[in-house]
């Protein structure tokens, strides 16, 4: 529809042109710009270029569409949003019908009733009884923005059940809505546990399900294959849609999952012609390998502390100098030695390990033990040797003294160094002393030999 359209029917199905090369779409709908109070980030496959609008839109309301396109590399391209205003409803809705069950027999006593959307309806008045128009089981149950209802106490067995659904809105209610009916069956005990006198154990026809409530989908490993290890005669995997309906994904013991959301796994055994089923709901959540954004190194009273800062959708843990652990939740390591270290960051959901190198501190070994200022181009100058891994450590000017403590020379650590002279005159071969302080206020003292 065009942007800023008005008088849009409340039962319209919102569609959009298929986008070549897209891998899916992301649709949101709200009553404010960028709002998601009606539809919150509903993802659809490439073949589903529409929003079905199962329960209708609010009348006489300015609505805002936020729309995105998933590209083949998994990234999301956000399109310009549009806005439109729905029609003002001036008449009551019409009656509706059951979407299933009407005329059915042998219906389970705990069955959920479902009905079709009545255009312009904002709610439904449910009556369920034992006679047409009766309400002995459910009397005037009001439901809003839903198309299903499950009686909390179920239905009586082997009984004809009459359901009367009256749609309504702010103008009024539908009139002369008739009842529809179905007949429940006897209670089926086929799937109930029983004591096997031959084996002396309790048999349970329904399969046990051992499956986690949460699965994490690594963003670098999409799609992901889930495999059930449960032993049963059959399997089914469903994706639960935003409107609580289900889409069958697989009837094998494995399924390929390509998006986050809510799912249901069902396993069943066949007892004769009866399926004895068990199921579990589980969520698929996004996770990813960590990105190390910063490494903070601090020293207080010569105690070295390192804090690792990371970003990402995963849950992370940290290990010092070993990729196999032990790991800790705290990203801070204290009282580290002055050696170099490697810190490993592992995603708890199995999406990988990254590492960062912590350079070593300076040591006395970074200051040469001797030099030979004889003009041969080898060791003619004495100077601090910056290590390859210096972790951003810098030195203040280095002070050089003779063996009696007399100050001889101050040298910049970034220059060529000391040539063994004092006021332009060569000094004799001997031991000399130095004092250096780094930018963490750590002091280094030692001596070296001038050889001639």
Protein backbone atom coordinates (compact mmCIF):
# COMPACT_ATOMS: atom_id res chain seq x y z
CA UNK A 1 0.00 0.00 0.00
CA UNK A 2 1.20 3.57 -0.54
CA UNK A 3 2.73 5.51 2.33
CA UNK A 4 0.28 7.67 4.33
CA UNK A 5 -2.70 5.76 2.95
CA UNK A 6 -5.96 6.17 4.87
CA UNK A 7 -9.24 4.33 5.39
CA UNK A 8 -7.43 0.95 5.20
CA UNK A 9 -9.71 -2.02 6.08
CA UNK A 10 -8.98 -3.53 9.48
CA UNK A 11 -8.94 -7.04 7.97
CA UNK A 12 -6.44 -6.25 5.21
CA UNK A 13 -3.59 -8.68 4.58
CA UNK A 14 -0.39 -6.64 4.34
CA UNK A 15 1.80 -7.86 1.48
CA UNK A 16 4.98 -6.73 -0.21
CA UNK A 17 6.77 -7.53 -3.43
CA UNK A 18 9.19 -10.44 -3.27
CA UNK A 19 12.81 -9.24 -3.20
CA UNK A 20 15.22 -11.19 -5.46
CA UNK A 21 18.18 -12.54 -3.52
CA UNK A 22 16.60 -12.03 -0.11
CA UNK A 23 16.74 -14.87 2.43
CA UNK A 24 13.83 -13.64 4.55
CA UNK A 25 11.98 -10.64 5.92
CA UNK A 26 11.52 -8.94 9.29
CA UNK A 27 8.19 -7.19 9.91
CA UNK A 28 7.10 -5.02 12.85
CA UNK A 29 3.92 -3.04 13.36
CA UNK A 30 3.07 -0.50 16.02
CA UNK A 31 1.06 2.55 16.92
CA UNK A 32 4.15 4.80 17.12
CA UNK A 33 7.04 5.33 14.67
CA UNK A 34 9.26 2.27 15.05
CA UNK A 35 6.77 0.75 17.52
CA UNK A 36 6.33 -3.01 17.97
CA UNK A 37 3.27 -3.12 20.25
CA UNK A 38 1.17 -4.97 17.64
CA UNK A 39 3.80 -7.13 15.89
CA UNK A 40 7.29 -7.43 17.37
CA UNK A 41 9.99 -8.39 14.85
CA UNK A 42 8.12 -11.16 13.09
CA UNK A 43 10.46 -13.06 10.78
CA UNK A 44 9.16 -14.77 7.65
CA UNK A 45 10.76 -16.97 5.03
CA UNK A 46 11.38 -15.84 1.48
CA UNK A 47 8.12 -17.46 0.31
CA UNK A 48 6.06 -15.65 2.96
CA UNK A 49 6.03 -12.06 1.66
CA UNK A 50 2.94 -11.11 3.65
CA UNK A 51 1.65 -10.47 7.16
CA UNK A 52 -1.48 -12.64 7.59
CA UNK A 53 -3.22 -10.31 10.09
CA UNK A 54 -5.05 -13.18 11.80
CA UNK A 55 -6.93 -11.08 14.38
CA UNK A 56 -7.42 -7.79 12.55
CA UNK A 57 -6.05 -4.29 13.07
CA UNK A 58 -7.28 -1.63 15.51
CA UNK A 59 -9.83 0.69 13.90
CA UNK A 60 -9.32 4.40 13.17
CA UNK A 61 -5.64 4.17 14.21
CA UNK A 62 -2.43 5.49 12.68
CA UNK A 63 -0.13 2.49 12.29
CA UNK A 64 3.58 2.30 11.47
CA UNK A 65 5.35 -0.49 9.58
CA UNK A 66 9.03 -1.27 10.14
CA UNK A 67 10.42 -3.62 7.50
CA UNK A 68 13.78 -5.29 6.91
CA UNK A 69 15.29 -7.68 4.38
CA UNK A 70 17.68 -10.48 5.38
CA UNK A 71 20.54 -10.75 2.88
CA UNK A 72 22.26 -14.06 1.97
CA UNK A 73 25.18 -13.28 4.31
CA UNK A 74 22.78 -13.05 7.27
CA UNK A 75 22.89 -9.27 7.59
CA UNK A 76 19.71 -7.20 7.80
CA UNK A 77 18.96 -4.33 5.44
CA UNK A 78 16.46 -1.92 6.99
CA UNK A 79 13.99 -0.40 4.54
CA UNK A 80 12.21 2.94 4.95
CA UNK A 81 9.09 2.48 7.05
CA UNK A 82 5.58 3.43 5.99
CA UNK A 83 2.51 4.58 7.86
CA UNK A 84 -1.21 4.26 7.20
CA UNK A 85 -4.50 4.85 8.98
CA UNK A 86 -7.19 2.21 9.34
CA UNK A 87 -10.86 2.75 8.63
CA UNK A 88 -13.36 3.85 11.23
CA UNK A 89 -15.59 0.88 11.99
CA UNK A 90 -19.26 1.86 12.03
CA UNK A 91 -21.00 -1.53 12.03
CA UNK A 92 -20.93 -4.60 14.26
CA UNK A 93 -19.05 -7.66 13.00
CA UNK A 94 -20.68 -10.68 11.41
CA UNK A 95 -20.87 -14.13 12.99
CA UNK A 96 -17.98 -16.55 12.75
CA UNK A 97 -17.57 -20.32 12.53
CA UNK A 98 -15.35 -22.92 14.10
CA UNK A 99 -12.23 -23.46 12.02
CA UNK A 100 -12.31 -27.16 12.96
CA UNK A 101 -14.34 -29.62 15.10
CA UNK A 102 -17.82 -28.78 13.76
CA UNK A 103 -19.48 -32.11 13.12
CA UNK A 104 -16.49 -34.08 14.40
CA UNK A 105 -16.81 -37.19 16.56
CA UNK A 106 -14.50 -38.88 19.07
CA UNK A 107 -12.99 -35.51 19.96
CA UNK A 108 -10.56 -35.47 22.90
CA UNK A 109 -12.04 -34.08 26.08
CA UNK A 110 -9.21 -31.57 26.49
CA UNK A 111 -9.41 -30.21 22.95
CA UNK A 112 -8.88 -26.49 22.27
CA UNK A 113 -11.61 -24.81 20.26
CA UNK A 114 -10.57 -22.49 17.44
CA UNK A 115 -12.57 -20.18 15.19
CA UNK A 116 -12.14 -17.96 12.15
CA UNK A 117 -11.50 -14.22 12.39
CA UNK A 118 -14.65 -12.13 12.08
CA UNK A 119 -13.74 -8.89 10.24
CA UNK A 120 -14.07 -5.78 12.42
CA UNK A 121 -14.36 -7.86 15.62
CA UNK A 122 -12.33 -6.80 18.66
CA UNK A 123 -13.48 -9.63 20.92
CA UNK A 124 -15.59 -12.78 21.15
CA UNK A 125 -18.25 -13.97 23.63
CA UNK A 126 -17.90 -17.75 24.14
CA UNK A 127 -20.73 -19.98 25.39
CA UNK A 128 -20.38 -23.75 25.54
CA UNK A 129 -23.15 -26.04 26.65
CA UNK A 130 -24.98 -29.32 26.24
CA UNK A 131 -27.84 -27.89 24.12
CA UNK A 132 -27.89 -25.39 21.22
CA UNK A 133 -27.23 -21.97 22.72
CA UNK A 134 -26.48 -23.52 26.13
CA UNK A 135 -23.78 -22.40 28.56
CA UNK A 136 -23.60 -25.12 31.18
CA UNK A 137 -19.87 -25.66 30.54
CA UNK A 138 -18.71 -22.10 29.75
CA UNK A 139 -20.87 -19.02 30.20
CA UNK A 140 -20.05 -15.71 28.53
CA UNK A 141 -16.28 -16.12 28.42
CA UNK A 142 -14.87 -12.96 26.79
CA UNK A 143 -11.65 -13.27 24.80
CA UNK A 144 -9.89 -10.42 23.01
CA UNK A 145 -7.48 -10.52 20.10
CA UNK A 146 -7.41 -14.33 20.10
CA UNK A 147 -8.97 -17.02 17.95
CA UNK A 148 -8.80 -19.95 20.35
CA UNK A 149 -9.94 -21.00 23.81
CA UNK A 150 -9.40 -24.10 25.97
CA UNK A 151 -11.96 -24.78 28.71
CA UNK A 152 -10.00 -25.13 31.95
CA UNK A 153 -11.86 -28.31 33.03
CA UNK A 154 -12.21 -29.94 29.63
CA UNK A 155 -15.38 -31.51 28.22
CA UNK A 156 -17.48 -34.45 29.45
CA UNK A 157 -16.86 -37.76 27.69
CA UNK A 158 -19.12 -39.22 25.00
CA UNK A 159 -21.23 -36.06 24.81
CA UNK A 160 -22.41 -33.68 22.11
CA UNK A 161 -20.95 -30.25 22.85
CA UNK A 162 -22.49 -27.02 21.49
CA UNK A 163 -20.34 -23.94 20.95
CA UNK A 164 -21.77 -20.46 20.34
CA UNK A 165 -19.31 -17.69 19.45
CA UNK A 166 -20.57 -14.09 19.20
CA UNK A 167 -18.09 -11.56 17.78
CA UNK A 168 -18.39 -7.95 18.97
CA UNK A 169 -16.75 -4.52 18.71
CA UNK A 170 -17.37 -1.03 20.12
CA UNK A 171 -20.42 -0.58 17.89
CA UNK A 172 -22.18 -3.77 18.96
CA UNK A 173 -22.31 -7.55 18.71
CA UNK A 174 -23.15 -9.88 15.87
CA UNK A 175 -26.75 -11.09 15.95
CA UNK A 176 -28.35 -14.49 15.54
CA UNK A 177 -25.09 -16.43 15.72
CA UNK A 178 -25.92 -20.14 15.71
CA UNK A 179 -24.31 -22.96 17.64
CA UNK A 180 -21.98 -25.55 16.15
CA UNK A 181 -21.31 -28.90 17.74
CA UNK A 182 -19.02 -31.89 18.04
CA UNK A 183 -19.13 -35.15 19.99
CA UNK A 184 -16.44 -36.16 22.45
CA UNK A 185 -15.18 -39.71 22.66
CA UNK A 186 -14.61 -42.07 25.54
CA UNK A 187 -11.51 -41.57 27.65
CA UNK A 188 -8.66 -43.38 25.93
CA UNK A 189 -6.35 -45.12 28.40
CA UNK A 190 -4.13 -46.64 25.70
CA UNK A 191 -1.30 -44.26 26.50
CA UNK A 192 -1.59 -44.45 30.30
CA UNK A 193 1.18 -46.22 32.27
CA UNK A 194 0.36 -49.81 33.25
CA UNK A 195 1.91 -52.58 35.30
CA UNK A 196 3.26 -55.43 33.18
CA UNK A 197 2.76 -58.58 35.21
CA UNK A 198 5.10 -60.54 32.96
CA UNK A 199 8.08 -58.25 33.48
CA UNK A 200 7.08 -56.88 36.87
CA UNK A 201 7.69 -53.28 35.83
CA UNK A 202 5.53 -50.29 34.99
CA UNK A 203 5.36 -49.72 31.23
CA UNK A 204 4.98 -46.18 29.90
CA UNK A 205 3.74 -46.09 26.30
CA UNK A 206 4.67 -42.44 25.88
CA UNK A 207 8.41 -42.04 25.13
CA UNK A 208 10.63 -40.23 27.57
CA UNK A 209 12.11 -37.05 26.13
CA UNK A 210 15.58 -35.93 27.09
CA UNK A 211 16.06 -32.61 25.33
CA UNK A 212 17.23 -29.19 26.58
CA UNK A 213 14.84 -26.27 27.05
CA UNK A 214 17.26 -23.90 25.34
CA UNK A 215 19.43 -24.32 22.26
CA UNK A 216 21.98 -21.74 21.21
CA UNK A 217 22.47 -21.02 17.52
CA UNK A 218 25.97 -19.80 16.70
CA UNK A 219 25.77 -16.95 14.22
CA UNK A 220 28.73 -18.36 12.30
CA UNK A 221 27.12 -21.80 12.07
CA UNK A 222 23.70 -21.14 10.52
CA UNK A 223 21.78 -23.26 9.74
CA UNK A 224 22.36 -25.78 12.53
CA UNK A 225 21.36 -29.42 12.64
CA UNK A 226 19.60 -30.65 15.79
CA UNK A 227 19.44 -34.39 16.36
CA UNK A 228 17.29 -36.15 18.94
CA UNK A 229 18.75 -39.17 20.71
CA UNK A 230 15.34 -40.21 22.06
CA UNK A 231 14.20 -43.68 21.12
CA UNK A 232 10.66 -43.64 19.74
CA UNK A 233 8.59 -44.73 16.74
CA UNK A 234 8.27 -41.24 15.34
CA UNK A 235 9.35 -37.63 15.69
CA UNK A 236 8.01 -34.22 14.75
CA UNK A 237 9.58 -30.77 14.98
CA UNK A 238 7.48 -27.61 14.91
CA UNK A 239 8.25 -23.90 14.80
CA UNK A 240 5.85 -21.87 16.96
CA UNK A 241 4.74 -18.77 15.08
CA UNK A 242 3.99 -15.39 16.61
CA UNK A 243 0.27 -16.15 16.54
CA UNK A 244 0.96 -19.42 18.48
CA UNK A 245 0.18 -21.54 15.40
CA UNK A 246 2.74 -24.22 14.50
CA UNK A 247 4.63 -25.02 11.31
CA UNK A 248 5.88 -28.58 10.84
CA UNK A 249 9.60 -28.54 10.01
CA UNK A 250 10.56 -32.21 10.07
CA UNK A 251 9.14 -35.66 10.80
CA UNK A 252 12.58 -37.25 11.26
CA UNK A 253 14.78 -37.49 14.36
CA UNK A 254 16.67 -34.41 13.15
CA UNK A 255 15.82 -30.91 12.00
CA UNK A 256 17.70 -27.99 10.46
CA UNK A 257 17.21 -24.73 12.37
CA UNK A 258 18.07 -21.42 10.71
CA UNK A 259 16.47 -18.82 12.97
CA UNK A 260 15.90 -18.04 16.61
CA UNK A 261 12.48 -18.41 18.21
CA UNK A 262 10.25 -20.92 19.98
CA UNK A 263 9.93 -24.53 18.89
CA UNK A 264 8.27 -27.78 19.93
CA UNK A 265 9.72 -31.26 19.64
CA UNK A 266 7.37 -34.24 19.76
CA UNK A 267 8.17 -37.94 20.00
CA UNK A 268 5.61 -40.72 19.89
CA UNK A 269 5.21 -44.47 20.06
CA UNK A 270 2.57 -46.35 18.13
CA UNK A 271 0.32 -48.58 20.24
CA UNK A 272 -1.82 -50.19 17.56
CA UNK A 273 -3.23 -47.25 15.61
CA UNK A 274 -2.84 -44.85 18.54
CA UNK A 275 -0.01 -42.34 18.79
CA UNK A 276 1.19 -42.05 22.37
CA UNK A 277 3.05 -38.75 22.23
CA UNK A 278 5.19 -36.65 24.50
CA UNK A 279 6.56 -33.22 23.64
CA UNK A 280 8.72 -30.42 24.96
CA UNK A 281 8.90 -26.72 24.18
CA UNK A 282 12.33 -25.25 23.62
CA UNK A 283 13.78 -21.90 22.62
CA UNK A 284 16.52 -21.26 20.08
CA UNK A 285 18.64 -18.28 21.10
CA UNK A 286 21.45 -16.49 19.29
CA UNK A 287 25.04 -16.67 20.46
CA UNK A 288 28.41 -15.86 18.96
CA UNK A 289 32.14 -15.86 19.51
CA UNK A 290 33.31 -12.94 21.62
CA UNK A 291 34.89 -9.81 20.20
CA UNK A 292 37.63 -8.43 22.44
CA UNK A 293 37.13 -4.67 22.46
CA UNK A 294 39.79 -3.60 24.95
CA UNK A 295 42.46 -4.86 27.35
CA UNK A 296 42.93 -2.69 30.43
CA UNK A 297 46.26 -3.16 32.23
CA UNK A 298 46.85 -1.40 35.56
CA UNK A 299 49.53 -1.54 38.23
CA UNK A 300 49.04 -0.43 41.82
CA UNK A 301 51.97 -0.89 44.21
CA UNK A 302 53.60 -3.18 41.65
CA UNK A 303 50.49 -5.42 41.55
CA UNK A 304 49.55 -6.04 37.91
CA UNK A 305 45.84 -6.34 37.06
CA UNK A 306 44.31 -7.06 33.66
CA UNK A 307 40.65 -6.65 32.71
CA UNK A 308 39.32 -8.00 29.41
CA UNK A 309 36.40 -6.13 27.83
CA UNK A 310 34.31 -8.00 25.25
CA UNK A 311 31.18 -7.58 23.19
CA UNK A 312 28.80 -10.07 21.60
CA UNK A 313 25.49 -11.86 22.09
CA UNK A 314 27.01 -14.84 23.91
CA UNK A 315 27.74 -15.61 27.55
CA UNK A 316 31.48 -15.56 28.12
CA UNK A 317 34.08 -16.95 30.52
CA UNK A 318 37.80 -16.32 30.82
CA UNK A 319 40.98 -18.37 31.30
CA UNK A 320 44.60 -17.41 31.94
CA UNK A 321 47.32 -19.08 29.85
CA UNK A 322 45.30 -22.18 28.97
CA UNK A 323 42.59 -22.64 26.35
CA UNK A 324 41.37 -25.72 28.22
CA UNK A 325 40.82 -23.81 31.46
CA UNK A 326 40.03 -23.54 34.23
CA UNK A 327 37.67 -20.72 33.21
CA UNK A 328 36.13 -18.03 35.37
CA UNK A 329 33.18 -15.69 34.85
CA UNK A 330 35.14 -12.69 36.08
CA UNK A 331 37.05 -10.91 33.26
CA UNK A 332 39.57 -9.51 35.76
CA UNK A 333 42.89 -11.19 36.59
CA UNK A 334 44.98 -9.81 39.45
CA UNK A 335 48.51 -10.31 40.76
CA UNK A 336 49.80 -11.39 37.37
CA UNK A 337 53.48 -12.13 37.05
CA UNK A 338 55.63 -9.79 34.97
CA UNK A 339 55.89 -12.41 32.21
CA UNK A 340 53.77 -12.33 29.06
CA UNK A 341 50.34 -14.00 29.25
CA UNK A 342 47.56 -15.18 26.97
CA UNK A 343 43.96 -14.75 28.07
CA UNK A 344 41.29 -16.92 26.43
CA UNK A 345 37.63 -15.91 26.13
CA UNK A 346 35.20 -18.79 25.58
CA UNK A 347 31.51 -18.61 24.70
CA UNK A 348 29.65 -20.82 27.19
CA UNK A 349 27.25 -21.84 24.43
CA UNK A 350 29.97 -23.46 22.35
CA UNK A 351 30.43 -20.77 19.69
CA UNK A 352 34.20 -20.62 19.95
CA UNK A 353 37.26 -19.27 21.78
CA UNK A 354 39.21 -16.09 21.09
CA UNK A 355 42.46 -15.03 22.69
CA UNK A 356 44.49 -11.93 23.40
CA UNK A 357 48.16 -11.56 24.23
CA UNK A 358 49.29 -9.61 27.30
CA UNK A 359 52.81 -8.36 26.78
CA UNK A 360 55.40 -8.83 29.47
CA UNK A 361 56.73 -6.08 31.71
CA UNK A 362 60.23 -4.67 31.44
CA UNK A 363 63.07 -6.41 33.26
CA UNK A 364 66.73 -5.76 33.96
CA UNK A 365 67.45 -8.04 31.01
CA UNK A 366 66.19 -5.26 28.69
CA UNK A 367 69.30 -3.21 29.59
CA UNK A 368 72.57 -4.42 27.95
CA UNK A 369 75.30 -5.86 30.20
CA UNK A 370 78.14 -4.23 28.24
CA UNK A 371 79.05 -2.12 25.23
CA UNK A 372 82.30 -1.49 23.28
CA UNK A 373 82.56 2.09 21.97
CA UNK A 374 85.54 1.45 19.70
CA UNK A 375 84.05 2.75 16.44
CA UNK A 376 83.64 -0.64 14.74
CA UNK A 377 79.89 -0.16 14.40
CA UNK A 378 79.10 -3.00 16.82
CA UNK A 379 77.86 -2.21 20.34
CA UNK A 380 79.23 1.31 20.06
CA UNK A 381 76.39 2.73 22.13
CA UNK A 382 74.73 1.68 25.35
CA UNK A 383 70.95 1.97 25.26
CA UNK A 384 67.82 0.38 26.63
CA UNK A 385 66.56 -2.35 24.24
CA UNK A 386 62.75 -2.11 23.91
CA UNK A 387 61.27 -5.61 23.98
CA UNK A 388 59.08 -6.74 21.11
CA UNK A 389 56.17 -7.05 23.55
CA UNK A 390 56.22 -3.87 25.59
CA UNK A 391 52.49 -3.48 26.38
CA UNK A 392 52.69 0.26 25.85
CA UNK A 393 55.40 0.69 28.50
CA UNK A 394 57.65 3.72 28.10
CA UNK A 395 60.69 4.92 30.01
CA UNK A 396 61.58 8.27 31.44
CA UNK A 397 65.14 9.51 30.63
CA UNK A 398 67.77 7.03 31.87
CA UNK A 399 70.43 8.26 34.30
CA UNK A 400 73.97 6.86 34.17
CA UNK A 401 76.48 7.01 37.04
CA UNK A 402 80.06 5.93 37.58
CA UNK A 403 80.92 3.41 40.29
CA UNK A 404 81.34 6.20 42.83
CA UNK A 405 77.79 7.49 42.22
CA UNK A 406 78.84 10.51 40.17
CA UNK A 407 76.19 11.46 37.62
CA UNK A 408 77.61 11.00 34.11
CA UNK A 409 74.85 11.18 31.53
CA UNK A 410 71.10 11.39 30.97
CA UNK A 411 69.88 9.67 27.81
CA UNK A 412 66.52 9.60 26.06
CA UNK A 413 65.39 5.95 25.66
CA UNK A 414 64.34 6.70 22.07
CA UNK A 415 67.78 7.92 20.93
CA UNK A 416 70.90 6.06 19.84
CA UNK A 417 72.24 5.98 23.40
CA UNK A 418 75.41 6.76 25.31
CA UNK A 419 78.76 6.70 23.47
CA UNK A 420 80.94 6.29 26.58
CA UNK A 421 82.10 9.90 26.83
CA UNK A 422 81.86 12.59 29.47
CA UNK A 423 82.03 16.20 28.30
CA UNK A 424 83.34 14.91 25.00
CA UNK A 425 86.17 12.84 26.49
CA UNK A 426 86.19 9.01 26.42
CA UNK A 427 85.73 7.44 29.83
CA UNK A 428 87.84 4.49 30.91
CA UNK A 429 86.77 0.88 30.75
CA UNK A 430 84.88 0.14 33.95
CA UNK A 431 81.50 -0.74 35.39
CA UNK A 432 78.82 1.95 35.27
CA UNK A 433 75.41 2.13 36.89
CA UNK A 434 72.01 3.15 35.57
CA UNK A 435 68.62 4.09 36.97
CA UNK A 436 65.42 4.02 34.88
CA UNK A 437 61.72 4.53 35.72
CA UNK A 438 58.83 3.44 33.47
CA UNK A 439 55.44 5.07 33.01
CA UNK A 440 54.00 2.78 35.72
CA UNK A 441 56.54 4.21 38.19
CA UNK A 442 58.47 0.95 38.35
CA UNK A 443 62.20 1.54 38.99
CA UNK A 444 65.05 -0.40 37.39
CA UNK A 445 68.64 -0.25 38.73
CA UNK A 446 71.67 -2.14 37.53
CA UNK A 447 75.14 -1.93 36.14
CA UNK A 448 76.89 -2.60 32.85
CA UNK A 449 80.49 -2.72 31.62
CA UNK A 450 82.21 -0.32 29.28
CA UNK A 451 84.88 -2.30 27.42
CA UNK A 452 87.73 -0.75 25.45
